[in-house]
C-alpha cells in the first residue's frame, strides 16, 4: 500500500484520518471529536514576519529562516541564549545541555552542534558578514547581538506555533 499526503494542502487532521483509514480504523468516529482545522490562509507563517532591517541586514524573516534550517540541537542552544538575553558562558550552556531532558548535548560537543548555525548563516543570512551567534574565545562567552534577541524571540514564537516549518 502507498499513501500520499500533500503537506501543502492537507491538514494534520486529514493526514491522520488517511493513515487511520489505511489501517482499518474508523476515521469518521475519531475525527468527530477533533476541532475544525483552521484555514491555511489563517495560519501564521513566515510571511507574517517583518522584512524590515533589525540589525545589519538581519530581518525577522531571515532570523526565522535561520532557526528553521539549523539542526535541532543548535536551535535549542539559540533558544536558550535568547531566553538568557543573548549572553551566556560556554560552561553554563554546556552544563545546561549535558543532562537536558529533550536535547542532550554531550560535554565538549556544543561547538560541533553549533556548526550548522555558521553553515545556515552563509546560505540564508544577509550579504554582509554579520553573525547571529559569536563565541568570544578569550572569556568563553556565547553572545547574540542584543538587537537580534527580540527578533529571535519573535521567530521562536512562530516556530512554537508552526513546528511543521522546522527542519
C-alpha atoms as a PDB file:
ATOM      1  CA  UNK A   1       0.000   0.000   0.000  1.00  0.00           C
ATOM      2  CA  UNK A   2       1.185   3.522  -0.743  1.00  0.00           C
ATOM      3  CA  UNK A   3      -0.190   6.596   0.981  1.00  0.00           C
ATOM      4  CA  UNK A   4       0.465  10.125  -0.252  1.00  0.00           C
ATOM      5  CA  UNK A   5      -0.100  13.184   1.918  1.00  0.00           C
ATOM      6  CA  UNK A   6       0.375  16.653   0.477  1.00  0.00           C
ATOM      7  CA  UNK A   7       1.738  18.768   3.328  1.00  0.00           C
ATOM      8  CA  UNK A   8       0.968  21.960   1.429  1.00  0.00           C
ATOM      9  CA  UNK A   9      -2.780  21.330   1.118  1.00  0.00           C
ATOM     10  CA  UNK A  10      -3.754  18.535   3.531  1.00  0.00           C
ATOM     11  CA  UNK A  11      -4.326  19.419   7.169  1.00  0.00           C
ATOM     12  CA  UNK A  12      -2.849  17.424  10.005  1.00  0.00           C
ATOM     13  CA  UNK A  13      -6.311  16.032  10.742  1.00  0.00           C
ATOM     14  CA  UNK A  14      -6.762  14.889   7.145  1.00  0.00           C
ATOM     15  CA  UNK A  15      -3.385  13.152   7.192  1.00  0.00           C
ATOM     16  CA  UNK A  16      -4.189  11.305  10.425  1.00  0.00           C
ATOM     17  CA  UNK A  17      -7.599  10.290   9.064  1.00  0.00           C
ATOM     18  CA  UNK A  18      -5.967   8.915   5.893  1.00  0.00           C
ATOM     19  CA  UNK A  19      -3.471   6.846   7.916  1.00  0.00           C
ATOM     20  CA  UNK A  20      -6.223   5.549  10.203  1.00  0.00           C
ATOM     21  CA  UNK A  21      -8.380   4.612   7.220  1.00  0.00           C
ATOM     22  CA  UNK A  22      -5.432   2.803   5.629  1.00  0.00           C
ATOM     23  CA  UNK A  23      -5.058   0.684   8.779  1.00  0.00           C
ATOM     24  CA  UNK A  24      -8.775  -0.038   9.027  1.00  0.00           C
ATOM     25  CA  UNK A  25      -9.751   2.361  11.789  1.00  0.00           C
ATOM     26  CA  UNK A  26     -12.931   4.380  11.508  1.00  0.00           C
ATOM     27  CA  UNK A  27     -11.635   7.910  10.934  1.00  0.00           C
ATOM     28  CA  UNK A  28     -15.139   9.417  10.937  1.00  0.00           C
ATOM     29  CA  UNK A  29     -15.740   8.381  14.559  1.00  0.00           C
ATOM     30  CA  UNK A  30     -12.346   9.664  15.667  1.00  0.00           C
ATOM     31  CA  UNK A  31     -12.457  12.835  13.567  1.00  0.00           C
ATOM     32  CA  UNK A  32     -15.838  13.813  15.013  1.00  0.00           C
ATOM     33  CA  UNK A  33     -14.115  14.795  18.264  1.00  0.00           C
ATOM     34  CA  UNK A  34     -11.425  16.916  16.538  1.00  0.00           C
ATOM     35  CA  UNK A  35     -11.766  20.687  16.397  1.00  0.00           C
ATOM     36  CA  UNK A  36     -12.218  22.228  12.993  1.00  0.00           C
ATOM     37  CA  UNK A  37      -8.864  22.805  11.335  1.00  0.00           C
ATOM     38  CA  UNK A  38      -8.083  26.468  10.631  1.00  0.00           C
ATOM     39  CA  UNK A  39      -7.987  27.648   7.055  1.00  0.00           C
ATOM     40  CA  UNK A  40      -4.484  27.526   5.645  1.00  0.00           C
ATOM     41  CA  UNK A  41      -4.656  31.261   4.974  1.00  0.00           C
ATOM     42  CA  UNK A  42      -5.377  31.916   8.678  1.00  0.00           C
ATOM     43  CA  UNK A  43      -2.355  30.001   9.968  1.00  0.00           C
ATOM     44  CA  UNK A  44       0.641  32.117  10.967  1.00  0.00           C
ATOM     45  CA  UNK A  45       3.663  31.731   8.761  1.00  0.00           C
ATOM     46  CA  UNK A  46       6.975  33.331   7.856  1.00  0.00           C
ATOM     47  CA  UNK A  47       5.123  35.731   5.561  1.00  0.00           C
ATOM     48  CA  UNK A  48       3.724  37.358   8.727  1.00  0.00           C
ATOM     49  CA  UNK A  49       7.194  38.316   9.959  1.00  0.00           C
ATOM     50  CA  UNK A  50       8.694  41.705   9.273  1.00  0.00           C
ATOM     51  CA  UNK A  51      11.072  42.203   6.390  1.00  0.00           C
ATOM     52  CA  UNK A  52      12.451  45.397   7.918  1.00  0.00           C
ATOM     53  CA  UNK A  53      16.115  45.542   8.870  1.00  0.00           C
ATOM     54  CA  UNK A  54      16.587  44.714  12.559  1.00  0.00           C
ATOM     55  CA  UNK A  55      20.388  44.911  12.549  1.00  0.00           C
ATOM     56  CA  UNK A  56      22.941  44.913   9.708  1.00  0.00           C
ATOM     57  CA  UNK A  57      20.650  43.276   7.168  1.00  0.00           C
ATOM     58  CA  UNK A  58      19.010  40.785   9.524  1.00  0.00           C
ATOM     59  CA  UNK A  59      15.205  40.777   9.439  1.00  0.00           C
ATOM     60  CA  UNK A  60      12.686  38.802  11.484  1.00  0.00           C
ATOM     61  CA  UNK A  61      12.116  36.635   8.413  1.00  0.00           C
ATOM     62  CA  UNK A  62      15.837  35.841   7.997  1.00  0.00           C
ATOM     63  CA  UNK A  63      16.091  35.027  11.702  1.00  0.00           C
ATOM     64  CA  UNK A  64      13.146  32.633  11.426  1.00  0.00           C
ATOM     65  CA  UNK A  65      14.568  31.045   8.286  1.00  0.00           C
ATOM     66  CA  UNK A  66      17.820  30.539  10.183  1.00  0.00           C
ATOM     67  CA  UNK A  67      16.283  28.805  13.198  1.00  0.00           C
ATOM     68  CA  UNK A  68      14.059  26.751  10.913  1.00  0.00           C
ATOM     69  CA  UNK A  69      17.067  25.470   8.955  1.00  0.00           C
ATOM     70  CA  UNK A  70      19.581  24.709  11.729  1.00  0.00           C
ATOM     71  CA  UNK A  71      19.809  21.321  13.399  1.00  0.00           C
ATOM     72  CA  UNK A  72      17.561  20.814  16.447  1.00  0.00           C
ATOM     73  CA  UNK A  73      20.482  20.945  18.910  1.00  0.00           C
ATOM     74  CA  UNK A  74      21.694  24.263  17.519  1.00  0.00           C
ATOM     75  CA  UNK A  75      18.126  25.589  17.619  1.00  0.00           C
ATOM     76  CA  UNK A  76      17.876  24.606  21.293  1.00  0.00           C
ATOM     77  CA  UNK A  77      21.131  26.408  22.105  1.00  0.00           C
ATOM     78  CA  UNK A  78      19.977  29.538  20.251  1.00  0.00           C
ATOM     79  CA  UNK A  79      16.667  29.407  22.130  1.00  0.00           C
ATOM     80  CA  UNK A  80      18.474  29.085  25.468  1.00  0.00           C
ATOM     81  CA  UNK A  81      20.752  32.019  24.674  1.00  0.00           C
ATOM     82  CA  UNK A  82      17.719  34.062  23.623  1.00  0.00           C
ATOM     83  CA  UNK A  83      15.982  33.208  26.912  1.00  0.00           C
ATOM     84  CA  UNK A  84      19.091  34.381  28.773  1.00  0.00           C
ATOM     85  CA  UNK A  85      19.095  37.742  26.992  1.00  0.00           C
ATOM     86  CA  UNK A  86      21.704  36.859  24.383  1.00  0.00           C
ATOM     87  CA  UNK A  87      24.768  36.151  26.526  1.00  0.00           C
ATOM     88  CA  UNK A  88      25.907  33.084  28.470  1.00  0.00           C
ATOM     89  CA  UNK A  89      29.186  31.433  29.319  1.00  0.00           C
ATOM     90  CA  UNK A  90      30.346  28.395  27.423  1.00  0.00           C
ATOM     91  CA  UNK A  91      30.371  26.422  30.694  1.00  0.00           C
ATOM     92  CA  UNK A  92      26.781  27.426  31.560  1.00  0.00           C
ATOM     93  CA  UNK A  93      25.498  26.354  28.147  1.00  0.00           C
ATOM     94  CA  UNK A  94      27.461  23.125  28.321  1.00  0.00           C
ATOM     95  CA  UNK A  95      26.114  22.349  31.812  1.00  0.00           C
ATOM     96  CA  UNK A  96      22.533  23.171  30.789  1.00  0.00           C
ATOM     97  CA  UNK A  97      22.536  20.760  27.854  1.00  0.00           C
ATOM     98  CA  UNK A  98      24.660  17.974  29.357  1.00  0.00           C
ATOM     99  CA  UNK A  99      21.603  16.395  31.036  1.00  0.00           C
ATOM    100  CA  UNK A 100      18.841  18.180  29.146  1.00  0.00           C
ATOM    101  CA  UNK A 101      15.671  16.026  29.020  1.00  0.00           C
ATOM    102  CA  UNK A 102      14.766  16.838  25.391  1.00  0.00           C
ATOM    103  CA  UNK A 103      18.004  17.889  23.711  1.00  0.00           C
ATOM    104  CA  UNK A 104      21.008  16.385  25.483  1.00  0.00           C
ATOM    105  CA  UNK A 105      24.341  17.529  24.067  1.00  0.00           C
ATOM    106  CA  UNK A 106      27.434  15.776  25.458  1.00  0.00           C
ATOM    107  CA  UNK A 107      30.056  17.954  27.106  1.00  0.00           C
ATOM    108  CA  UNK A 108      32.568  19.177  24.567  1.00  0.00           C
ATOM    109  CA  UNK A 109      30.071  18.849  21.689  1.00  0.00           C
ATOM    110  CA  UNK A 110      28.401  22.258  21.907  1.00  0.00           C
ATOM    111  CA  UNK A 111      30.791  23.768  19.339  1.00  0.00           C
ATOM    112  CA  UNK A 112      30.183  20.929  16.903  1.00  0.00           C
ATOM    113  CA  UNK A 113      26.447  21.227  17.412  1.00  0.00           C
ATOM    114  CA  UNK A 114      26.585  24.904  16.537  1.00  0.00           C
ATOM    115  CA  UNK A 115      28.425  24.425  13.230  1.00  0.00           C
ATOM    116  CA  UNK A 116      25.044  24.266  11.491  1.00  0.00           C
ATOM    117  CA  UNK A 117      24.450  27.899  12.538  1.00  0.00           C
ATOM    118  CA  UNK A 118      27.513  29.002  10.562  1.00  0.00           C
ATOM    119  CA  UNK A 119      26.570  26.844   7.585  1.00  0.00           C
ATOM    120  CA  UNK A 120      22.993  28.127   7.506  1.00  0.00           C
ATOM    121  CA  UNK A 121      24.143  31.720   8.000  1.00  0.00           C
ATOM    122  CA  UNK A 122      26.261  31.531   4.842  1.00  0.00           C
ATOM    123  CA  UNK A 123      23.254  30.301   2.873  1.00  0.00           C
ATOM    124  CA  UNK A 124      20.427  32.323   4.440  1.00  0.00           C
ATOM    125  CA  UNK A 125      21.848  35.393   6.199  1.00  0.00           C
ATOM    126  CA  UNK A 126      22.314  38.878   4.788  1.00  0.00           C
ATOM    127  CA  UNK A 127      25.059  39.530   2.238  1.00  0.00           C
ATOM    128  CA  UNK A 128      27.401  41.114   4.764  1.00  0.00           C
ATOM    129  CA  UNK A 129      29.464  39.022   7.185  1.00  0.00           C
ATOM    130  CA  UNK A 130      27.438  39.596  10.354  1.00  0.00           C
ATOM    131  CA  UNK A 131      26.801  36.574  12.547  1.00  0.00           C
ATOM    132  CA  UNK A 132      23.773  35.562  14.586  1.00  0.00           C
ATOM    133  CA  UNK A 133      25.956  33.907  17.213  1.00  0.00           C
ATOM    134  CA  UNK A 134      29.508  34.620  18.273  1.00  0.00           C
ATOM    135  CA  UNK A 135      31.855  32.875  20.694  1.00  0.00           C
ATOM    136  CA  UNK A 136      34.389  35.076  22.433  1.00  0.00           C
ATOM    137  CA  UNK A 137      37.230  32.588  22.999  1.00  0.00           C
ATOM    138  CA  UNK A 138      39.096  34.896  25.363  1.00  0.00           C
ATOM    139  CA  UNK A 139      36.349  34.853  28.010  1.00  0.00           C
ATOM    140  CA  UNK A 140      34.494  31.755  26.724  1.00  0.00           C
ATOM    141  CA  UNK A 141      31.159  33.526  26.295  1.00  0.00           C
ATOM    142  CA  UNK A 142      28.482  32.983  23.649  1.00  0.00           C
ATOM    143  CA  UNK A 143      26.890  36.206  22.503  1.00  0.00           C
ATOM    144  CA  UNK A 144      23.956  37.134  20.318  1.00  0.00           C
ATOM    145  CA  UNK A 145      23.829  40.758  19.218  1.00  0.00           C
ATOM    146  CA  UNK A 146      21.285  42.461  21.547  1.00  0.00           C
ATOM    147  CA  UNK A 147      19.423  43.920  18.554  1.00  0.00           C
ATOM    148  CA  UNK A 148      18.749  40.366  17.297  1.00  0.00           C
ATOM    149  CA  UNK A 149      17.417  38.916  20.569  1.00  0.00           C
ATOM    150  CA  UNK A 150      13.905  40.377  20.170  1.00  0.00           C
ATOM    151  CA  UNK A 151      13.753  39.197  16.538  1.00  0.00           C
ATOM    152  CA  UNK A 152      14.809  35.698  17.578  1.00  0.00           C
ATOM    153  CA  UNK A 153      12.121  35.725  20.275  1.00  0.00           C
ATOM    154  CA  UNK A 154       9.504  36.532  17.618  1.00  0.00           C
ATOM    155  CA  UNK A 155      10.939  33.793  15.401  1.00  0.00           C
ATOM    156  CA  UNK A 156      10.683  31.244  18.231  1.00  0.00           C
ATOM    157  CA  UNK A 157       7.043  32.232  18.859  1.00  0.00           C
ATOM    158  CA  UNK A 158       6.287  31.350  15.235  1.00  0.00           C
ATOM    159  CA  UNK A 159       8.368  28.170  15.498  1.00  0.00           C
ATOM    160  CA  UNK A 160       6.304  27.095  18.509  1.00  0.00           C
ATOM    161  CA  UNK A 161       3.074  27.807  16.612  1.00  0.00           C
ATOM    162  CA  UNK A 162       4.248  26.081  13.416  1.00  0.00           C
ATOM    163  CA  UNK A 163       6.723  23.270  14.230  1.00  0.00           C
ATOM    164  CA  UNK A 164       5.919  21.825  10.796  1.00  0.00           C
ATOM    165  CA  UNK A 165       8.101  24.570   9.293  1.00  0.00           C
ATOM    166  CA  UNK A 166      11.222  23.464  11.157  1.00  0.00           C
ATOM    167  CA  UNK A 167      13.900  21.093   9.949  1.00  0.00           C
END
